[in-house]
Each structure stands twice: as structure tokens, then as C-alpha cells.
Amino acid sequence: METGLQHMHSALRWVILVLLVLSIVRAYAASSSGKPFASIKKLAMFTMIGLHIQLLIGLALYFLKGWAGQWGTEGMMSNTLLRFFTMEHLLLMILAIAVATMGYSGAKRKTDDKKANKRVLIFYLIALILILAGIPWPFRSGFEAYGWF
């Protein structure tokens, strides 16, 4: 089960990145041209759904793989891999999903379509930057062979 969740989490990462980029591009286009928020609302909502599904899978993996039990262990902060998966990855992703959620939720309440589109654009862009910072890229030191299938 753990391996299946790991593969799903890894594959869904690309879906999320594509959805975020598409949402950002469409929000920019809608904001620039004055299109209604309804023109990007569905895509932004599916992006939110994907982010939250990814969060649930990630939290399941966090506890199944034992990362949660590593908090406070000796040497946790000096071990790059342990620190990253115990603390950095978790906090960056939760923060990114919270930012995206605030952006989408706030945009739904806006009465001005241009402001709603701009809110999605800004908050999703911040979330994308946080997510890119929190992915265990193979070019980062210590991650050359971890998690890339």
C-alpha cells in the first residue's frame, strides 16, 4: 500500500504542477482581458481539489513512512534528507496549500471579476513557488536518487 501511495503522490505532483500553471495563465489572461471569474472558476476549483487530495496522500505517507516519529531525534537537523522530509517538505506544502486555498476562497467572495482573477493569479503563483521549493528535486544535494520513478 505504501508503494502505491508513493507512486500516486509522485505522479499527482505533475498533475498539480500543470493545473497550477494553467490556472495561473488563465487567471492572468482573464484578469488582463476583463473576463468574468466564472471563466476560470472550474479550473481553479479542480486545482484546489488536486492540491487537497495530494495533501491527504502526503499526510498518509508522512505517517506510514515514519517521518512523523523522527521529530526531536538526535541529528535530525544535521541530516539533509531527514530534515527535509520530516520538516521542510511538510511545512512548505501545507503552507502552499493554505495560500492557494485562501486565494481561491477569497476570489469566490469578490464581486469584482478583475480582482477575483488577480487574487487567484497572485495566490496560486505564491503557492507554485512554495511547491517548487518543497519538491525533492534530483539536482538538490542528497536527493539524486530519491523519489524519482
N, C-alpha and C. Protein backbone atom coordinates (compact mmCIF):
# COMPACT_ATOMS: atom_id res chain seq x y z
N MET A 1 0.82 -1.18 0.00
CA MET A 1 0.00 0.00 0.00
C MET A 1 0.88 1.26 0.00
N GLU A 2 1.94 1.22 0.78
CA GLU A 2 2.83 2.37 0.87
C GLU A 2 3.46 2.70 -0.48
N THR A 3 3.86 1.68 -1.21
CA THR A 3 4.47 1.89 -2.52
C THR A 3 3.46 2.49 -3.49
N GLY A 4 2.23 2.00 -3.47
CA GLY A 4 1.18 2.54 -4.33
C GLY A 4 0.91 4.01 -4.03
N LEU A 5 0.85 4.33 -2.74
CA LEU A 5 0.64 5.73 -2.35
C LEU A 5 1.81 6.60 -2.79
N GLN A 6 3.02 6.06 -2.66
CA GLN A 6 4.21 6.82 -3.08
C GLN A 6 4.17 7.11 -4.58
N HIS A 7 3.80 6.10 -5.38
CA HIS A 7 3.70 6.31 -6.82
C HIS A 7 2.60 7.31 -7.16
N MET A 8 1.47 7.20 -6.47
CA MET A 8 0.37 8.12 -6.71
C MET A 8 0.77 9.55 -6.35
N HIS A 9 1.44 9.70 -5.22
CA HIS A 9 1.89 11.01 -4.77
C HIS A 9 2.88 11.61 -5.77
N SER A 10 3.76 10.79 -6.29
CA SER A 10 4.75 11.24 -7.25
C SER A 10 4.10 11.62 -8.58
N ALA A 11 3.18 10.82 -9.06
CA ALA A 11 2.51 11.10 -10.34
C ALA A 11 1.59 12.32 -10.23
N LEU A 12 0.89 12.42 -9.11
CA LEU A 12 -0.04 13.53 -8.92
C LEU A 12 0.70 14.87 -8.82
N ARG A 13 1.97 14.82 -8.44
CA ARG A 13 2.77 16.05 -8.37
C ARG A 13 2.76 16.74 -9.73
N TRP A 14 2.90 15.99 -10.82
CA TRP A 14 2.96 16.58 -12.15
C TRP A 14 1.59 17.13 -12.57
N VAL A 15 0.55 16.43 -12.20
CA VAL A 15 -0.81 16.91 -12.48
C VAL A 15 -1.04 18.24 -11.78
N ILE A 16 -0.63 18.32 -10.51
CA ILE A 16 -0.79 19.54 -9.72
C ILE A 16 0.00 20.69 -10.35
N LEU A 17 1.23 20.43 -10.73
CA LEU A 17 2.05 21.49 -11.34
C LEU A 17 1.43 22.00 -12.63
N VAL A 18 0.92 21.10 -13.46
CA VAL A 18 0.27 21.50 -14.70
C VAL A 18 -0.99 22.30 -14.41
N LEU A 19 -1.81 21.82 -13.48
CA LEU A 19 -3.04 22.54 -13.12
C LEU A 19 -2.73 23.93 -12.57
N LEU A 20 -1.71 24.03 -11.73
CA LEU A 20 -1.35 25.33 -11.18
C LEU A 20 -0.88 26.30 -12.27
N VAL A 21 -0.04 25.82 -13.16
CA VAL A 21 0.45 26.68 -14.24
C VAL A 21 -0.71 27.10 -15.14
N LEU A 22 -1.59 26.16 -15.49
CA LEU A 22 -2.75 26.50 -16.31
C LEU A 22 -3.65 27.51 -15.61
N SER A 23 -3.88 27.31 -14.33
CA SER A 23 -4.71 28.25 -13.56
C SER A 23 -4.09 29.64 -13.53
N ILE A 24 -2.79 29.71 -13.36
CA ILE A 24 -2.10 31.00 -13.32
C ILE A 24 -2.19 31.69 -14.68
N VAL A 25 -1.95 30.95 -15.74
CA VAL A 25 -2.01 31.53 -17.09
C VAL A 25 -3.43 31.99 -17.41
N ARG A 26 -4.42 31.16 -17.10
CA ARG A 26 -5.81 31.54 -17.37
C ARG A 26 -6.25 32.71 -16.50
N ALA A 27 -5.80 32.75 -15.25
CA ALA A 27 -6.16 33.88 -14.38
C ALA A 27 -5.52 35.16 -14.89
N TYR A 28 -4.30 35.08 -15.37
CA TYR A 28 -3.64 36.26 -15.94
C TYR A 28 -4.39 36.74 -17.18
N ALA A 29 -4.74 35.81 -18.06
CA ALA A 29 -5.46 36.16 -19.28
C ALA A 29 -6.82 36.76 -18.96
N ALA A 30 -7.53 36.16 -18.00
CA ALA A 30 -8.85 36.66 -17.62
C ALA A 30 -8.74 38.02 -16.96
N SER A 31 -7.72 38.21 -16.15
CA SER A 31 -7.52 39.49 -15.49
C SER A 31 -7.17 40.59 -16.49
N SER A 32 -6.35 40.25 -17.46
CA SER A 32 -5.93 41.23 -18.47
C SER A 32 -7.07 41.61 -19.42
N SER A 33 -7.88 40.62 -19.77
CA SER A 33 -8.93 40.89 -20.76
C SER A 33 -10.27 41.26 -20.13
N GLY A 34 -10.36 41.18 -18.81
CA GLY A 34 -11.61 41.53 -18.15
C GLY A 34 -12.67 40.46 -18.20
N LYS A 35 -12.28 39.23 -18.44
CA LYS A 35 -13.24 38.12 -18.47
C LYS A 35 -13.79 37.88 -17.07
N PRO A 36 -14.97 37.30 -16.98
CA PRO A 36 -15.54 37.03 -15.66
C PRO A 36 -14.78 35.93 -14.93
N PHE A 37 -14.86 35.96 -13.60
CA PHE A 37 -14.20 34.94 -12.78
C PHE A 37 -14.73 33.55 -13.10
N ALA A 38 -15.98 33.49 -13.52
CA ALA A 38 -16.60 32.19 -13.86
C ALA A 38 -15.82 31.46 -14.95
N SER A 39 -15.06 32.21 -15.78
CA SER A 39 -14.31 31.57 -16.86
C SER A 39 -13.12 30.74 -16.35
N ILE A 40 -12.65 31.03 -15.14
CA ILE A 40 -11.52 30.26 -14.59
C ILE A 40 -11.91 29.50 -13.33
N LYS A 41 -13.13 29.69 -12.86
CA LYS A 41 -13.54 29.13 -11.57
C LYS A 41 -13.41 27.61 -11.51
N LYS A 42 -13.86 26.92 -12.58
CA LYS A 42 -13.80 25.46 -12.58
C LYS A 42 -12.36 24.95 -12.52
N LEU A 43 -11.49 25.54 -13.34
CA LEU A 43 -10.09 25.12 -13.35
C LEU A 43 -9.45 25.38 -11.99
N ALA A 44 -9.73 26.55 -11.42
CA ALA A 44 -9.18 26.88 -10.10
C ALA A 44 -9.70 25.91 -9.05
N MET A 45 -10.97 25.51 -9.16
CA MET A 45 -11.55 24.57 -8.20
C MET A 45 -10.91 23.18 -8.35
N PHE A 46 -10.72 22.71 -9.58
CA PHE A 46 -10.08 21.41 -9.78
C PHE A 46 -8.64 21.42 -9.29
N THR A 47 -7.99 22.56 -9.42
CA THR A 47 -6.63 22.70 -8.88
C THR A 47 -6.67 22.56 -7.36
N MET A 48 -7.65 23.18 -6.73
CA MET A 48 -7.80 23.08 -5.28
C MET A 48 -8.09 21.63 -4.86
N ILE A 49 -8.96 20.97 -5.58
CA ILE A 49 -9.28 19.57 -5.27
C ILE A 49 -8.01 18.72 -5.37
N GLY A 50 -7.25 18.91 -6.45
CA GLY A 50 -6.00 18.17 -6.62
C GLY A 50 -5.01 18.43 -5.50
N LEU A 51 -4.89 19.69 -5.10
CA LEU A 51 -3.98 20.04 -4.00
C LEU A 51 -4.38 19.35 -2.70
N HIS A 52 -5.66 19.34 -2.42
CA HIS A 52 -6.12 18.72 -1.17
C HIS A 52 -6.01 17.19 -1.20
N ILE A 53 -6.23 16.59 -2.35
CA ILE A 53 -6.02 15.13 -2.47
C ILE A 53 -4.54 14.82 -2.27
N GLN A 54 -3.68 15.63 -2.88
CA GLN A 54 -2.23 15.45 -2.72
C GLN A 54 -1.83 15.59 -1.25
N LEU A 55 -2.44 16.54 -0.56
CA LEU A 55 -2.16 16.72 0.87
C LEU A 55 -2.54 15.47 1.66
N LEU A 56 -3.71 14.92 1.40
CA LEU A 56 -4.14 13.72 2.13
C LEU A 56 -3.22 12.53 1.87
N ILE A 57 -2.83 12.35 0.62
CA ILE A 57 -1.91 11.26 0.29
C ILE A 57 -0.56 11.51 0.96
N GLY A 58 -0.09 12.74 0.92
CA GLY A 58 1.19 13.09 1.54
C GLY A 58 1.17 12.88 3.04
N LEU A 59 0.07 13.25 3.70
CA LEU A 59 -0.02 13.03 5.15
C LEU A 59 -0.05 11.55 5.48
N ALA A 60 -0.73 10.75 4.66
CA ALA A 60 -0.73 9.30 4.87
C ALA A 60 0.69 8.76 4.76
N LEU A 61 1.41 9.19 3.75
CA LEU A 61 2.81 8.76 3.58
C LEU A 61 3.69 9.24 4.72
N TYR A 62 3.44 10.43 5.19
CA TYR A 62 4.23 11.02 6.28
C TYR A 62 4.18 10.12 7.51
N PHE A 63 3.01 9.59 7.80
CA PHE A 63 2.88 8.73 8.98
C PHE A 63 3.25 7.28 8.67
N LEU A 64 2.93 6.78 7.48
CA LEU A 64 3.27 5.40 7.12
C LEU A 64 4.79 5.19 7.02
N LYS A 65 5.49 6.17 6.49
CA LYS A 65 6.94 6.05 6.33
C LYS A 65 7.71 6.35 7.61
N GLY A 66 7.04 6.84 8.63
CA GLY A 66 7.68 7.08 9.90
C GLY A 66 8.35 8.43 10.06
N TRP A 67 8.10 9.34 9.11
CA TRP A 67 8.71 10.67 9.23
C TRP A 67 8.20 11.40 10.45
N ALA A 68 6.95 11.18 10.80
CA ALA A 68 6.36 11.88 11.96
C ALA A 68 7.07 11.51 13.25
N GLY A 69 7.56 10.29 13.35
CA GLY A 69 8.23 9.84 14.55
C GLY A 69 9.67 10.34 14.68
N GLN A 70 10.15 11.03 13.66
CA GLN A 70 11.54 11.50 13.66
C GLN A 70 11.73 12.86 14.33
N TRP A 71 10.63 13.55 14.63
CA TRP A 71 10.73 14.87 15.27
C TRP A 71 11.48 14.75 16.58
N GLY A 72 12.45 15.59 16.77
CA GLY A 72 13.18 15.64 18.03
C GLY A 72 14.28 14.60 18.18
N THR A 73 14.49 13.76 17.17
CA THR A 73 15.56 12.78 17.29
C THR A 73 16.90 13.49 17.13
N GLU A 74 17.90 12.91 17.73
CA GLU A 74 19.25 13.50 17.68
C GLU A 74 19.77 13.48 16.25
N GLY A 75 20.27 14.59 15.81
CA GLY A 75 20.85 14.70 14.47
C GLY A 75 19.83 14.96 13.37
N MET A 76 18.57 15.16 13.71
CA MET A 76 17.54 15.38 12.69
C MET A 76 17.87 16.61 11.84
N MET A 77 18.29 17.68 12.47
CA MET A 77 18.53 18.92 11.74
C MET A 77 19.84 18.89 10.94
N SER A 78 20.75 18.03 11.28
CA SER A 78 22.02 17.97 10.55
C SER A 78 21.96 16.98 9.38
N ASN A 79 20.95 16.12 9.35
CA ASN A 79 20.77 15.16 8.26
C ASN A 79 19.85 15.78 7.21
N THR A 80 20.38 16.08 6.03
CA THR A 80 19.63 16.78 4.98
C THR A 80 18.34 16.07 4.61
N LEU A 81 18.41 14.78 4.35
CA LEU A 81 17.24 14.01 3.93
C LEU A 81 16.20 13.94 5.05
N LEU A 82 16.64 13.66 6.25
CA LEU A 82 15.73 13.55 7.39
C LEU A 82 15.06 14.89 7.69
N ARG A 83 15.84 15.97 7.69
CA ARG A 83 15.27 17.30 7.96
C ARG A 83 14.27 17.69 6.88
N PHE A 84 14.62 17.40 5.63
CA PHE A 84 13.75 17.78 4.52
C PHE A 84 12.38 17.10 4.63
N PHE A 85 12.38 15.77 4.77
CA PHE A 85 11.10 15.05 4.78
C PHE A 85 10.36 15.14 6.11
N THR A 86 11.08 15.35 7.19
CA THR A 86 10.41 15.47 8.49
C THR A 86 9.78 16.84 8.66
N MET A 87 10.47 17.87 8.17
CA MET A 87 10.02 19.22 8.47
C MET A 87 9.80 20.09 7.24
N GLU A 88 10.81 20.28 6.40
CA GLU A 88 10.75 21.26 5.33
C GLU A 88 9.66 20.96 4.30
N HIS A 89 9.63 19.74 3.79
CA HIS A 89 8.65 19.36 2.77
C HIS A 89 7.23 19.52 3.31
N LEU A 90 7.00 19.01 4.50
CA LEU A 90 5.68 19.08 5.12
C LEU A 90 5.22 20.52 5.30
N LEU A 91 6.06 21.36 5.89
CA LEU A 91 5.67 22.73 6.18
C LEU A 91 5.50 23.56 4.91
N LEU A 92 6.38 23.40 3.94
CA LEU A 92 6.24 24.15 2.70
C LEU A 92 4.97 23.77 1.94
N MET A 93 4.66 22.49 1.90
CA MET A 93 3.47 22.06 1.16
C MET A 93 2.18 22.47 1.86
N ILE A 94 2.14 22.35 3.19
CA ILE A 94 0.95 22.79 3.91
C ILE A 94 0.77 24.30 3.74
N LEU A 95 1.86 25.05 3.81
CA LEU A 95 1.78 26.49 3.61
C LEU A 95 1.30 26.82 2.20
N ALA A 96 1.83 26.13 1.20
CA ALA A 96 1.43 26.37 -0.19
C ALA A 96 -0.06 26.08 -0.40
N ILE A 97 -0.54 24.99 0.17
CA ILE A 97 -1.95 24.63 0.01
C ILE A 97 -2.84 25.63 0.76
N ALA A 98 -2.38 26.09 1.91
CA ALA A 98 -3.13 27.10 2.66
C ALA A 98 -3.21 28.41 1.87
N VAL A 99 -2.11 28.81 1.26
CA VAL A 99 -2.09 30.04 0.46
C VAL A 99 -3.03 29.91 -0.74
N ALA A 100 -2.97 28.79 -1.45
CA ALA A 100 -3.85 28.58 -2.60
C ALA A 100 -5.31 28.56 -2.17
N THR A 101 -5.59 27.94 -1.04
CA THR A 101 -6.97 27.88 -0.54
C THR A 101 -7.47 29.27 -0.18
N MET A 102 -6.64 30.07 0.45
CA MET A 102 -7.04 31.45 0.79
C MET A 102 -7.29 32.25 -0.48
N GLY A 103 -6.48 32.04 -1.49
CA GLY A 103 -6.67 32.76 -2.75
C GLY A 103 -7.97 32.40 -3.42
N TYR A 104 -8.26 31.11 -3.52
CA TYR A 104 -9.49 30.67 -4.17
C TYR A 104 -10.72 31.08 -3.37
N SER A 105 -10.68 30.88 -2.07
CA SER A 105 -11.81 31.22 -1.21
C SER A 105 -12.09 32.72 -1.24
N GLY A 106 -11.04 33.52 -1.20
CA GLY A 106 -11.22 34.96 -1.26
C GLY A 106 -11.74 35.42 -2.61
N ALA A 107 -11.29 34.77 -3.68
CA ALA A 107 -11.73 35.14 -5.02
C ALA A 107 -13.22 34.86 -5.21
N LYS A 108 -13.70 33.78 -4.62
CA LYS A 108 -15.13 33.45 -4.74
C LYS A 108 -16.01 34.53 -4.12
N ARG A 109 -15.51 35.21 -3.09
CA ARG A 109 -16.30 36.23 -2.39
C ARG A 109 -16.20 37.61 -3.04
N LYS A 110 -15.29 37.79 -3.96
CA LYS A 110 -15.12 39.09 -4.61
C LYS A 110 -16.29 39.35 -5.56
N THR A 111 -16.72 40.59 -5.59
CA THR A 111 -17.78 40.97 -6.53
C THR A 111 -17.20 41.49 -7.84
N ASP A 112 -15.98 41.99 -7.79
CA ASP A 112 -15.30 42.48 -8.98
C ASP A 112 -14.52 41.33 -9.61
N ASP A 113 -14.86 40.98 -10.85
CA ASP A 113 -14.22 39.85 -11.52
C ASP A 113 -12.72 40.04 -11.72
N LYS A 114 -12.31 41.26 -12.04
CA LYS A 114 -10.89 41.51 -12.25
C LYS A 114 -10.10 41.26 -10.97
N LYS A 115 -10.64 41.71 -9.84
CA LYS A 115 -9.97 41.47 -8.55
C LYS A 115 -9.96 39.99 -8.19
N ALA A 116 -11.03 39.29 -8.50
CA ALA A 116 -11.09 37.85 -8.23
C ALA A 116 -10.05 37.10 -9.05
N ASN A 117 -9.95 37.43 -10.32
CA ASN A 117 -8.96 36.79 -11.18
C ASN A 117 -7.54 37.11 -10.72
N LYS A 118 -7.32 38.35 -10.34
CA LYS A 118 -5.99 38.77 -9.88
C LYS A 118 -5.63 38.06 -8.56
N ARG A 119 -6.62 37.87 -7.70
CA ARG A 119 -6.36 37.18 -6.43
C ARG A 119 -5.93 35.73 -6.68
N VAL A 120 -6.63 35.04 -7.57
CA VAL A 120 -6.24 33.67 -7.92
C VAL A 120 -4.84 33.68 -8.51
N LEU A 121 -4.57 34.60 -9.41
CA LEU A 121 -3.25 34.71 -10.04
C LEU A 121 -2.15 34.86 -8.99
N ILE A 122 -2.29 35.79 -8.09
CA ILE A 122 -1.23 36.08 -7.10
C ILE A 122 -1.07 34.93 -6.11
N PHE A 123 -2.16 34.45 -5.56
CA PHE A 123 -2.06 33.41 -4.54
C PHE A 123 -1.62 32.08 -5.13
N TYR A 124 -2.08 31.73 -6.32
CA TYR A 124 -1.64 30.49 -6.95
C TYR A 124 -0.17 30.58 -7.36
N LEU A 125 0.28 31.76 -7.76
CA LEU A 125 1.69 31.94 -8.10
C LEU A 125 2.57 31.75 -6.86
N ILE A 126 2.17 32.31 -5.75
CA ILE A 126 2.91 32.12 -4.49
C ILE A 126 2.91 30.64 -4.11
N ALA A 127 1.76 29.99 -4.24
CA ALA A 127 1.68 28.55 -3.93
C ALA A 127 2.60 27.74 -4.84
N LEU A 128 2.65 28.08 -6.12
CA LEU A 128 3.52 27.37 -7.06
C LEU A 128 4.98 27.53 -6.67
N ILE A 129 5.38 28.72 -6.28
CA ILE A 129 6.77 28.95 -5.86
C ILE A 129 7.10 28.13 -4.62
N LEU A 130 6.18 28.10 -3.66
CA LEU A 130 6.40 27.30 -2.44
C LEU A 130 6.48 25.81 -2.77
N ILE A 131 5.62 25.35 -3.66
CA ILE A 131 5.64 23.94 -4.04
C ILE A 131 6.94 23.59 -4.75
N LEU A 132 7.37 24.44 -5.67
CA LEU A 132 8.64 24.18 -6.37
C LEU A 132 9.82 24.15 -5.40
N ALA A 133 9.76 24.98 -4.36
CA ALA A 133 10.82 24.98 -3.35
C ALA A 133 10.78 23.72 -2.48
N GLY A 134 9.60 23.11 -2.35
CA GLY A 134 9.46 21.96 -1.47
C GLY A 134 9.54 20.61 -2.13
N ILE A 135 9.74 20.56 -3.44
CA ILE A 135 9.85 19.29 -4.15
C ILE A 135 11.28 18.76 -4.01
N PRO A 136 11.45 17.47 -3.74
CA PRO A 136 12.81 16.91 -3.64
C PRO A 136 13.44 16.71 -5.02
N TRP A 137 13.85 17.79 -5.63
CA TRP A 137 14.43 17.74 -6.97
C TRP A 137 15.73 16.93 -6.97
N PRO A 138 16.00 16.20 -8.06
CA PRO A 138 17.21 15.37 -8.10
C PRO A 138 18.51 16.18 -8.14
N PHE A 139 18.46 17.46 -8.48
CA PHE A 139 19.67 18.28 -8.51
C PHE A 139 20.03 18.83 -7.14
N ARG A 140 19.16 18.65 -6.14
CA ARG A 140 19.49 19.08 -4.78
C ARG A 140 20.42 18.07 -4.14
N SER A 141 21.32 18.52 -3.36
CA SER A 141 22.29 17.66 -2.71
C SER A 141 21.59 16.65 -1.80
N GLY A 142 21.87 15.38 -2.00
CA GLY A 142 21.29 14.32 -1.18
C GLY A 142 20.03 13.71 -1.76
N PHE A 143 19.50 14.27 -2.84
CA PHE A 143 18.24 13.78 -3.40
C PHE A 143 18.42 13.18 -4.80
N GLU A 144 19.62 12.88 -5.17
CA GLU A 144 19.91 12.42 -6.52
C GLU A 144 19.08 11.20 -6.92
N ALA A 145 18.85 10.29 -6.01
CA ALA A 145 18.16 9.06 -6.36
C ALA A 145 16.87 8.85 -5.56
N TYR A 146 16.40 9.87 -4.88
CA TYR A 146 15.23 9.68 -4.02
C TYR A 146 13.95 10.17 -4.68
N GLY A 147 13.00 9.27 -4.79
CA GLY A 147 11.65 9.65 -5.19
C GLY A 147 11.43 9.94 -6.66
N TRP A 148 12.36 9.60 -7.54
CA TRP A 148 12.15 9.84 -8.96
C TRP A 148 12.01 8.51 -9.65
N PHE A 149 10.81 8.26 -10.11
CA PHE A 149 10.50 6.95 -10.71
C PHE A 149 10.55 7.04 -12.20
